């Protein structure tokens, strides 16, 4: 079996398996309350927006803790949909778009803070981190649209939050932005190279393509 078309499970995939026993009971409880998966998605987005508000004010610890409490909600909407038997492509689409908004809103709060402080380095690192984060997701989506896979790389969404949240809680946002700016863009390049390998393999099998 070709490892380029069947990559190893990502860190996120492993976390979902590890915490399935925790997520399923919570998801089942939320379903019984009448909440829908999309409502949970929007609740997570609202929580992220609140966290970004604190970051924009320079309240890094509060913003970081708010994100820490909010980010796990992202795993619940998919769990709820699966338990309902209502998993759909549109639901996955909404969830993915919401994730991108959540990240960009968070980076927007930090960018505003650095801009107000006149911190040019912080602003540039935040912009570069946001660009890298979006590209990581875009490369994967574009690759899948062409029937390639791209679930590889150092810093997927979960890992980005693992870097970001502690840097905020300990009031070291520059370190967090620097690491995400560097490793996020390296991850995007890793995915591009991974797709390139698959493209070359496809050309060898079907030279007329």
C-alpha atoms as a PDB file:
ATOM      1  CA  UNK A   1       0.000   0.000   0.000  1.00  0.00           C
ATOM      2  CA  UNK A   2       1.382   3.402  -1.021  1.00  0.00           C
ATOM      3  CA  UNK A   3       2.220   5.548   2.021  1.00  0.00           C
ATOM      4  CA  UNK A   4       1.821   8.733  -0.043  1.00  0.00           C
ATOM      5  CA  UNK A   5      -1.890   8.049  -0.589  1.00  0.00           C
ATOM      6  CA  UNK A   6      -2.444   6.455   2.832  1.00  0.00           C
ATOM      7  CA  UNK A   7      -0.546   8.665   5.294  1.00  0.00           C
ATOM      8  CA  UNK A   8      -0.183   7.818   8.953  1.00  0.00           C
ATOM      9  CA  UNK A   9      -2.887   9.107  11.305  1.00  0.00           C
ATOM     10  CA  UNK A  10      -2.263  12.712  12.318  1.00  0.00           C
ATOM     11  CA  UNK A  11      -1.892  13.918  15.892  1.00  0.00           C
ATOM     12  CA  UNK A  12      -5.458  15.230  15.652  1.00  0.00           C
ATOM     13  CA  UNK A  13      -6.717  11.814  14.516  1.00  0.00           C
ATOM     14  CA  UNK A  14      -5.005  10.178  17.485  1.00  0.00           C
ATOM     15  CA  UNK A  15      -6.499  12.697  19.912  1.00  0.00           C
ATOM     16  CA  UNK A  16     -10.002  11.980  18.615  1.00  0.00           C
ATOM     17  CA  UNK A  17      -9.454   8.271  19.229  1.00  0.00           C
ATOM     18  CA  UNK A  18      -7.943   8.811  22.688  1.00  0.00           C
ATOM     19  CA  UNK A  19     -10.708  11.148  23.869  1.00  0.00           C
ATOM     20  CA  UNK A  20     -13.620   9.349  22.160  1.00  0.00           C
ATOM     21  CA  UNK A  21     -14.706   7.929  25.521  1.00  0.00           C
ATOM     22  CA  UNK A  22     -14.958  11.485  26.895  1.00  0.00           C
ATOM     23  CA  UNK A  23     -16.428  13.216  23.847  1.00  0.00           C
ATOM     24  CA  UNK A  24     -19.192  10.704  23.158  1.00  0.00           C
ATOM     25  CA  UNK A  25     -20.974  11.068  26.553  1.00  0.00           C
ATOM     26  CA  UNK A  26     -20.708  14.866  26.385  1.00  0.00           C
ATOM     27  CA  UNK A  27     -21.964  14.875  22.795  1.00  0.00           C
ATOM     28  CA  UNK A  28     -24.860  12.604  23.743  1.00  0.00           C
ATOM     29  CA  UNK A  29     -25.790  14.909  26.637  1.00  0.00           C
ATOM     30  CA  UNK A  30     -25.727  17.988  24.400  1.00  0.00           C
ATOM     31  CA  UNK A  31     -27.910  16.204  21.862  1.00  0.00           C
ATOM     32  CA  UNK A  32     -30.466  15.502  24.599  1.00  0.00           C
ATOM     33  CA  UNK A  33     -30.599  19.204  25.472  1.00  0.00           C
ATOM     34  CA  UNK A  34     -31.844  19.957  21.970  1.00  0.00           C
ATOM     35  CA  UNK A  35     -28.734  21.781  20.835  1.00  0.00           C
ATOM     36  CA  UNK A  36     -27.663  21.111  17.258  1.00  0.00           C
ATOM     37  CA  UNK A  37     -24.096  20.516  16.016  1.00  0.00           C
ATOM     38  CA  UNK A  38     -24.211  23.802  14.092  1.00  0.00           C
ATOM     39  CA  UNK A  39     -25.243  25.641  17.265  1.00  0.00           C
ATOM     40  CA  UNK A  40     -22.173  24.213  19.029  1.00  0.00           C
ATOM     41  CA  UNK A  41     -20.011  25.304  16.082  1.00  0.00           C
ATOM     42  CA  UNK A  42     -21.324  28.872  16.423  1.00  0.00           C
ATOM     43  CA  UNK A  43     -20.877  28.750  20.212  1.00  0.00           C
ATOM     44  CA  UNK A  44     -17.221  27.847  19.714  1.00  0.00           C
ATOM     45  CA  UNK A  45     -16.822  30.719  17.250  1.00  0.00           C
ATOM     46  CA  UNK A  46     -18.405  33.131  19.741  1.00  0.00           C
ATOM     47  CA  UNK A  47     -16.023  31.929  22.460  1.00  0.00           C
ATOM     48  CA  UNK A  48     -13.033  32.432  20.190  1.00  0.00           C
ATOM     49  CA  UNK A  49     -14.250  35.945  19.371  1.00  0.00           C
ATOM     50  CA  UNK A  50     -14.450  36.723  23.089  1.00  0.00           C
ATOM     51  CA  UNK A  51     -10.900  35.436  23.537  1.00  0.00           C
ATOM     52  CA  UNK A  52      -9.721  37.617  20.648  1.00  0.00           C
ATOM     53  CA  UNK A  53     -11.349  40.640  22.316  1.00  0.00           C
ATOM     54  CA  UNK A  54      -9.253  40.092  25.442  1.00  0.00           C
ATOM     55  CA  UNK A  55      -6.121  39.647  23.313  1.00  0.00           C
ATOM     56  CA  UNK A  56      -6.804  42.924  21.503  1.00  0.00           C
ATOM     57  CA  UNK A  57      -6.947  44.613  24.923  1.00  0.00           C
ATOM     58  CA  UNK A  58      -3.618  43.080  25.888  1.00  0.00           C
ATOM     59  CA  UNK A  59      -5.147  40.743  28.464  1.00  0.00           C
ATOM     60  CA  UNK A  60      -3.132  37.773  27.242  1.00  0.00           C
ATOM     61  CA  UNK A  61      -3.711  35.406  30.161  1.00  0.00           C
ATOM     62  CA  UNK A  62      -7.502  35.856  30.143  1.00  0.00           C
ATOM     63  CA  UNK A  63      -7.554  35.559  26.351  1.00  0.00           C
ATOM     64  CA  UNK A  64      -5.451  32.399  26.487  1.00  0.00           C
ATOM     65  CA  UNK A  65      -7.654  30.806  29.156  1.00  0.00           C
ATOM     66  CA  UNK A  66     -10.771  31.704  27.158  1.00  0.00           C
ATOM     67  CA  UNK A  67      -9.307  29.964  24.113  1.00  0.00           C
ATOM     68  CA  UNK A  68      -8.307  26.987  26.252  1.00  0.00           C
ATOM     69  CA  UNK A  69     -11.924  26.603  27.347  1.00  0.00           C
ATOM     70  CA  UNK A  70     -13.330  27.254  23.875  1.00  0.00           C
ATOM     71  CA  UNK A  71     -11.129  25.234  21.512  1.00  0.00           C
ATOM     72  CA  UNK A  72     -12.258  21.774  22.774  1.00  0.00           C
ATOM     73  CA  UNK A  73     -15.798  22.677  21.693  1.00  0.00           C
ATOM     74  CA  UNK A  74     -14.550  22.215  18.135  1.00  0.00           C
ATOM     75  CA  UNK A  75     -14.448  18.439  18.642  1.00  0.00           C
ATOM     76  CA  UNK A  76     -18.016  18.269  19.956  1.00  0.00           C
ATOM     77  CA  UNK A  77     -19.992  19.341  16.879  1.00  0.00           C
ATOM     78  CA  UNK A  78     -18.632  16.476  14.799  1.00  0.00           C
ATOM     79  CA  UNK A  79     -19.214  14.047  17.662  1.00  0.00           C
ATOM     80  CA  UNK A  80     -22.813  15.216  18.051  1.00  0.00           C
ATOM     81  CA  UNK A  81     -23.484  14.876  14.322  1.00  0.00           C
ATOM     82  CA  UNK A  82     -22.014  11.354  14.286  1.00  0.00           C
ATOM     83  CA  UNK A  83     -24.110  10.278  17.272  1.00  0.00           C
ATOM     84  CA  UNK A  84     -27.225  11.688  15.617  1.00  0.00           C
ATOM     85  CA  UNK A  85     -26.411   9.857  12.393  1.00  0.00           C
ATOM     86  CA  UNK A  86     -26.505  13.233  10.669  1.00  0.00           C
ATOM     87  CA  UNK A  87     -22.890  13.618   9.544  1.00  0.00           C
ATOM     88  CA  UNK A  88     -22.886  15.429   6.212  1.00  0.00           C
ATOM     89  CA  UNK A  89     -20.512  17.063   3.775  1.00  0.00           C
ATOM     90  CA  UNK A  90     -22.197  20.422   4.402  1.00  0.00           C
ATOM     91  CA  UNK A  91     -21.735  20.062   8.162  1.00  0.00           C
ATOM     92  CA  UNK A  92     -18.049  19.309   7.651  1.00  0.00           C
ATOM     93  CA  UNK A  93     -17.844  22.324   5.321  1.00  0.00           C
ATOM     94  CA  UNK A  94     -19.420  24.644   7.911  1.00  0.00           C
ATOM     95  CA  UNK A  95     -17.103  23.285  10.604  1.00  0.00           C
ATOM     96  CA  UNK A  96     -14.020  23.849   8.438  1.00  0.00           C
ATOM     97  CA  UNK A  97     -15.035  27.401   7.525  1.00  0.00           C
ATOM     98  CA  UNK A  98     -15.759  28.142  11.187  1.00  0.00           C
ATOM     99  CA  UNK A  99     -12.287  26.872  12.121  1.00  0.00           C
ATOM    100  CA  UNK A 100     -10.672  29.268   9.652  1.00  0.00           C
ATOM    101  CA  UNK A 101     -12.722  32.193  10.983  1.00  0.00           C
ATOM    102  CA  UNK A 102     -11.795  31.267  14.556  1.00  0.00           C
ATOM    103  CA  UNK A 103      -8.081  31.302  13.795  1.00  0.00           C
ATOM    104  CA  UNK A 104      -8.195  34.516  11.799  1.00  0.00           C
ATOM    105  CA  UNK A 105     -10.255  36.279  14.473  1.00  0.00           C
ATOM    106  CA  UNK A 106      -7.688  35.202  17.070  1.00  0.00           C
ATOM    107  CA  UNK A 107      -4.796  36.440  14.961  1.00  0.00           C
ATOM    108  CA  UNK A 108      -6.776  39.622  14.259  1.00  0.00           C
ATOM    109  CA  UNK A 109      -7.022  40.344  17.984  1.00  0.00           C
ATOM    110  CA  UNK A 110      -3.277  39.905  18.387  1.00  0.00           C
ATOM    111  CA  UNK A 111      -2.517  41.963  15.286  1.00  0.00           C
ATOM    112  CA  UNK A 112      -4.654  44.805  16.632  1.00  0.00           C
ATOM    113  CA  UNK A 113      -2.843  44.669  19.962  1.00  0.00           C
ATOM    114  CA  UNK A 114       0.625  44.764  18.378  1.00  0.00           C
ATOM    115  CA  UNK A 115      -0.418  47.561  16.006  1.00  0.00           C
ATOM    116  CA  UNK A 116      -1.716  49.721  18.869  1.00  0.00           C
ATOM    117  CA  UNK A 117       1.516  49.084  20.786  1.00  0.00           C
ATOM    118  CA  UNK A 118       3.557  50.062  17.749  1.00  0.00           C
ATOM    119  CA  UNK A 119       5.233  46.652  17.845  1.00  0.00           C
ATOM    120  CA  UNK A 120       6.184  46.130  14.201  1.00  0.00           C
ATOM    121  CA  UNK A 121       7.894  42.792  14.834  1.00  0.00           C
ATOM    122  CA  UNK A 122       4.849  41.423  16.636  1.00  0.00           C
ATOM    123  CA  UNK A 123       2.540  42.625  13.866  1.00  0.00           C
ATOM    124  CA  UNK A 124       4.665  41.061  11.124  1.00  0.00           C
ATOM    125  CA  UNK A 125       5.025  37.774  12.987  1.00  0.00           C
ATOM    126  CA  UNK A 126       1.258  37.661  13.559  1.00  0.00           C
ATOM    127  CA  UNK A 127       0.563  38.323   9.881  1.00  0.00           C
ATOM    128  CA  UNK A 128       3.048  35.633   8.847  1.00  0.00           C
ATOM    129  CA  UNK A 129       1.563  33.181  11.362  1.00  0.00           C
ATOM    130  CA  UNK A 130      -1.944  33.868  10.029  1.00  0.00           C
ATOM    131  CA  UNK A 131      -0.774  33.437   6.437  1.00  0.00           C
ATOM    132  CA  UNK A 132       0.949  30.152   7.242  1.00  0.00           C
ATOM    133  CA  UNK A 133      -2.094  28.837   9.121  1.00  0.00           C
ATOM    134  CA  UNK A 134      -4.439  29.642   6.247  1.00  0.00           C
ATOM    135  CA  UNK A 135      -2.053  28.121   3.706  1.00  0.00           C
ATOM    136  CA  UNK A 136      -1.783  24.891   5.692  1.00  0.00           C
ATOM    137  CA  UNK A 137      -5.553  24.474   5.440  1.00  0.00           C
ATOM    138  CA  UNK A 138      -5.799  25.767   1.866  1.00  0.00           C
ATOM    139  CA  UNK A 139      -3.129  23.415   0.534  1.00  0.00           C
ATOM    140  CA  UNK A 140      -4.951  20.451   2.075  1.00  0.00           C
ATOM    141  CA  UNK A 141      -8.324  21.526   0.689  1.00  0.00           C
ATOM    142  CA  UNK A 142      -6.924  22.234  -2.785  1.00  0.00           C
ATOM    143  CA  UNK A 143      -5.043  18.928  -2.807  1.00  0.00           C
ATOM    144  CA  UNK A 144      -8.165  16.981  -1.869  1.00  0.00           C
ATOM    145  CA  UNK A 145     -10.061  18.786  -4.626  1.00  0.00           C
ATOM    146  CA  UNK A 146      -7.554  17.261  -7.062  1.00  0.00           C
ATOM    147  CA  UNK A 147      -7.806  13.794  -5.444  1.00  0.00           C
ATOM    148  CA  UNK A 148      -4.494  14.068  -3.616  1.00  0.00           C
ATOM    149  CA  UNK A 149      -3.957  13.818   0.141  1.00  0.00           C
ATOM    150  CA  UNK A 150      -2.111  16.328   2.289  1.00  0.00           C
ATOM    151  CA  UNK A 151      -2.674  15.368   5.954  1.00  0.00           C
ATOM    152  CA  UNK A 152       0.992  15.741   6.862  1.00  0.00           C
ATOM    153  CA  UNK A 153       3.220  18.336   8.488  1.00  0.00           C
ATOM    154  CA  UNK A 154       4.589  19.622  11.761  1.00  0.00           C
ATOM    155  CA  UNK A 155       1.906  22.089  12.796  1.00  0.00           C
ATOM    156  CA  UNK A 156      -1.728  21.298  12.044  1.00  0.00           C
ATOM    157  CA  UNK A 157      -4.547  23.209  13.742  1.00  0.00           C
ATOM    158  CA  UNK A 158      -4.417  21.379  17.076  1.00  0.00           C
ATOM    159  CA  UNK A 159      -0.643  21.765  17.321  1.00  0.00           C
ATOM    160  CA  UNK A 160      -0.967  25.474  16.534  1.00  0.00           C
ATOM    161  CA  UNK A 161      -3.236  25.922  19.539  1.00  0.00           C
ATOM    162  CA  UNK A 162      -0.892  23.823  21.676  1.00  0.00           C
ATOM    163  CA  UNK A 163       1.814  26.376  20.837  1.00  0.00           C
ATOM    164  CA  UNK A 164      -0.414  29.460  20.988  1.00  0.00           C
ATOM    165  CA  UNK A 165      -2.365  28.992  24.221  1.00  0.00           C
ATOM    166  CA  UNK A 166       0.597  28.504  26.607  1.00  0.00           C
ATOM    167  CA  UNK A 167       2.381  31.460  25.014  1.00  0.00           C
ATOM    168  CA  UNK A 168      -0.655  33.606  25.804  1.00  0.00           C
ATOM    169  CA  UNK A 169      -1.267  32.257  29.301  1.00  0.00           C
ATOM    170  CA  UNK A 170       2.381  32.983  30.187  1.00  0.00           C
ATOM    171  CA  UNK A 171       2.205  36.375  28.431  1.00  0.00           C
ATOM    172  CA  UNK A 172       4.749  35.515  25.736  1.00  0.00           C
ATOM    173  CA  UNK A 173       2.742  36.150  22.546  1.00  0.00           C
ATOM    174  CA  UNK A 174       5.841  37.009  20.499  1.00  0.00           C
ATOM    175  CA  UNK A 175       7.255  33.544  21.114  1.00  0.00           C
ATOM    176  CA  UNK A 176       3.978  31.933  20.128  1.00  0.00           C
ATOM    177  CA  UNK A 177       3.665  34.018  16.972  1.00  0.00           C
ATOM    178  CA  UNK A 178       7.277  33.378  16.033  1.00  0.00           C
ATOM    179  CA  UNK A 179       6.921  29.603  16.361  1.00  0.00           C
ATOM    180  CA  UNK A 180       3.635  29.481  14.463  1.00  0.00           C
ATOM    181  CA  UNK A 181       4.970  31.799  11.752  1.00  0.00           C
ATOM    182  CA  UNK A 182       7.990  29.549  11.217  1.00  0.00           C
ATOM    183  CA  UNK A 183       6.510  26.091  11.703  1.00  0.00           C
ATOM    184  CA  UNK A 184       3.177  26.908  10.082  1.00  0.00           C
ATOM    185  CA  UNK A 185       4.804  27.934   6.823  1.00  0.00           C
ATOM    186  CA  UNK A 186       7.151  24.945   6.975  1.00  0.00           C
ATOM    187  CA  UNK A 187       4.039  22.759   7.308  1.00  0.00           C
ATOM    188  CA  UNK A 188       2.486  24.379   4.227  1.00  0.00           C
ATOM    189  CA  UNK A 189       5.692  23.678   2.278  1.00  0.00           C
ATOM    190  CA  UNK A 190       5.734  20.085   3.554  1.00  0.00           C
ATOM    191  CA  UNK A 191       2.226  19.593   2.206  1.00  0.00           C
ATOM    192  CA  UNK A 192       3.097  21.169  -1.133  1.00  0.00           C
ATOM    193  CA  UNK A 193       6.077  18.839  -1.483  1.00  0.00           C
ATOM    194  CA  UNK A 194       3.927  15.863  -0.443  1.00  0.00           C
ATOM    195  CA  UNK A 195       1.396  16.672  -3.163  1.00  0.00           C
ATOM    196  CA  UNK A 196       4.237  17.123  -5.665  1.00  0.00           C
ATOM    197  CA  UNK A 197       5.412  13.570  -4.951  1.00  0.00           C
ATOM    198  CA  UNK A 198       1.911  12.252  -5.546  1.00  0.00           C
ATOM    199  CA  UNK A 199       1.607  14.268  -8.738  1.00  0.00           C
ATOM    200  CA  UNK A 200       4.829  12.810 -10.118  1.00  0.00           C
ATOM    201  CA  UNK A 201       3.684   9.289  -9.187  1.00  0.00           C
ATOM    202  CA  UNK A 202       0.375   9.891 -10.958  1.00  0.00           C
ATOM    203  CA  UNK A 203       2.149  11.134 -14.076  1.00  0.00           C
ATOM    204  CA  UNK A 204       4.279   7.978 -14.206  1.00  0.00           C
ATOM    205  CA  UNK A 205       1.200   5.768 -13.995  1.00  0.00           C
ATOM    206  CA  UNK A 206      -0.767   7.855 -16.496  1.00  0.00           C
ATOM    207  CA  UNK A 207       1.730   9.675 -18.731  1.00  0.00           C
ATOM    208  CA  UNK A 208      -1.058  11.078 -20.940  1.00  0.00           C
ATOM    209  CA  UNK A 209      -2.497  13.149 -18.064  1.00  0.00           C
END
